[in-house]
Protein backbone atom coordinates (compact mmCIF):
# COMPACT_ATOMS: atom_id res chain seq x y z
CA MET A 1 -6.80 -5.73 -3.97
CA ARG A 2 -8.30 -8.85 -5.66
CA PRO A 3 -8.26 -12.14 -3.73
CA HIS A 4 -5.46 -13.71 -5.93
CA ALA A 5 -3.56 -10.72 -5.72
CA ARG A 6 -3.87 -10.69 -1.83
CA LEU A 7 -2.86 -14.27 -1.84
CA SER A 8 0.49 -13.58 -4.06
CA PHE A 9 1.29 -10.63 -2.02
CA HIS A 10 1.09 -12.65 1.16
CA LEU A 11 3.10 -15.49 -0.19
CA LEU A 12 5.62 -13.00 -1.41
CA SER A 13 5.97 -10.97 1.86
CA ARG A 14 5.97 -14.12 4.08
CA THR A 15 8.83 -16.29 2.57
CA ARG A 16 11.34 -17.42 4.47
CA ASP A 17 13.93 -17.37 1.47
CA PRO A 18 17.01 -15.75 2.59
CA ALA A 19 17.10 -13.53 -0.37
CA PRO A 20 13.38 -12.84 -0.60
CA LEU A 21 11.77 -10.67 -3.45
CA THR A 22 11.53 -7.12 -2.40
CA VAL A 23 7.69 -5.63 -2.37
CA ASP A 24 7.13 -2.11 -2.93
CA LEU A 25 3.45 -0.90 -1.69
CA VAL A 26 2.41 2.54 -2.65
CA LEU A 27 -0.72 3.64 -0.87
CA ASP A 28 -2.57 6.98 -1.78
CA GLU A 29 -2.64 9.39 1.30
CA ALA A 30 -6.55 9.06 0.81
CA VAL A 31 -6.46 5.37 1.42
CA MET A 32 -4.85 6.09 4.69
CA ARG A 33 -7.27 8.72 5.71
CA ARG A 34 -10.48 6.93 4.64
CA ILE A 35 -12.27 5.62 7.76
CA VAL A 36 -13.27 1.96 7.29
CA GLY A 37 -14.82 -0.06 10.11
CA GLY A 38 -14.13 2.43 12.84
CA PRO A 39 -11.14 3.30 15.05
CA LYS A 40 -10.16 -0.36 16.10
CA MET A 41 -10.36 -1.64 12.62
CA MET A 42 -8.18 1.11 11.32
CA SER A 43 -5.68 0.77 14.13
CA ALA A 44 -5.55 -3.12 13.36
CA GLN A 45 -4.71 -2.28 9.57
CA LEU A 46 -2.26 0.39 10.31
CA ARG A 47 -0.67 -2.31 12.98
CA HIS A 48 -0.57 -4.88 9.94
CA LEU A 49 1.11 -2.21 7.63
CA ALA A 50 3.81 -1.49 10.44
CA GLU A 51 4.42 -5.30 11.12
CA LEU A 52 5.20 -6.08 7.40
CA PRO A 53 8.48 -7.96 6.92
CA HIS A 54 11.63 -6.20 5.83
CA ASN A 55 11.16 -7.25 2.41
CA VAL A 56 8.04 -4.99 1.79
CA ARG A 57 8.60 -1.14 1.94
CA VAL A 58 5.24 0.66 2.40
CA GLN A 59 5.22 4.11 0.93
CA VAL A 60 2.26 6.71 1.21
CA LEU A 61 1.87 9.00 -2.12
CA PRO A 62 0.87 12.60 -0.70
CA ALA A 63 -2.40 13.98 -1.59
CA VAL A 64 -0.57 16.94 -3.38
CA ARG A 65 1.28 14.52 -5.49
CA THR A 66 -1.97 12.42 -6.27
CA ARG A 67 -3.84 15.68 -7.56
CA ALA A 68 -0.76 16.76 -9.50
CA VAL A 69 -0.78 13.28 -11.42
CA ALA A 70 -4.51 13.37 -12.05
CA ARG A 71 -4.28 17.08 -13.51
CA ALA A 72 -1.21 15.98 -15.72
CA ARG A 73 -3.39 12.96 -16.92
CA GLU A 74 -6.20 15.23 -17.92
CA GLN A 75 -3.72 17.53 -19.72
CA GLY A 76 -2.40 14.36 -21.65
CA ALA A 77 1.13 14.70 -20.24
CA ILE A 78 1.03 11.31 -18.90
């Protein structure tokens, strides 16, 4: 995520507004499996995702779907 996108996401997700915007965060399964910085770093990153406020919905796109989407793009279906 680019720095300005990170800042915008942080501001949207941490608002005290009683009716905050809803943020949908969709991650590719490969992102969840890619080891970055070792076990402690990975644990901290997953904990951060789990502790996001209620207006942020985190979804993981299964790898099977990701490959299907890539195949459809190659075939010009999308």
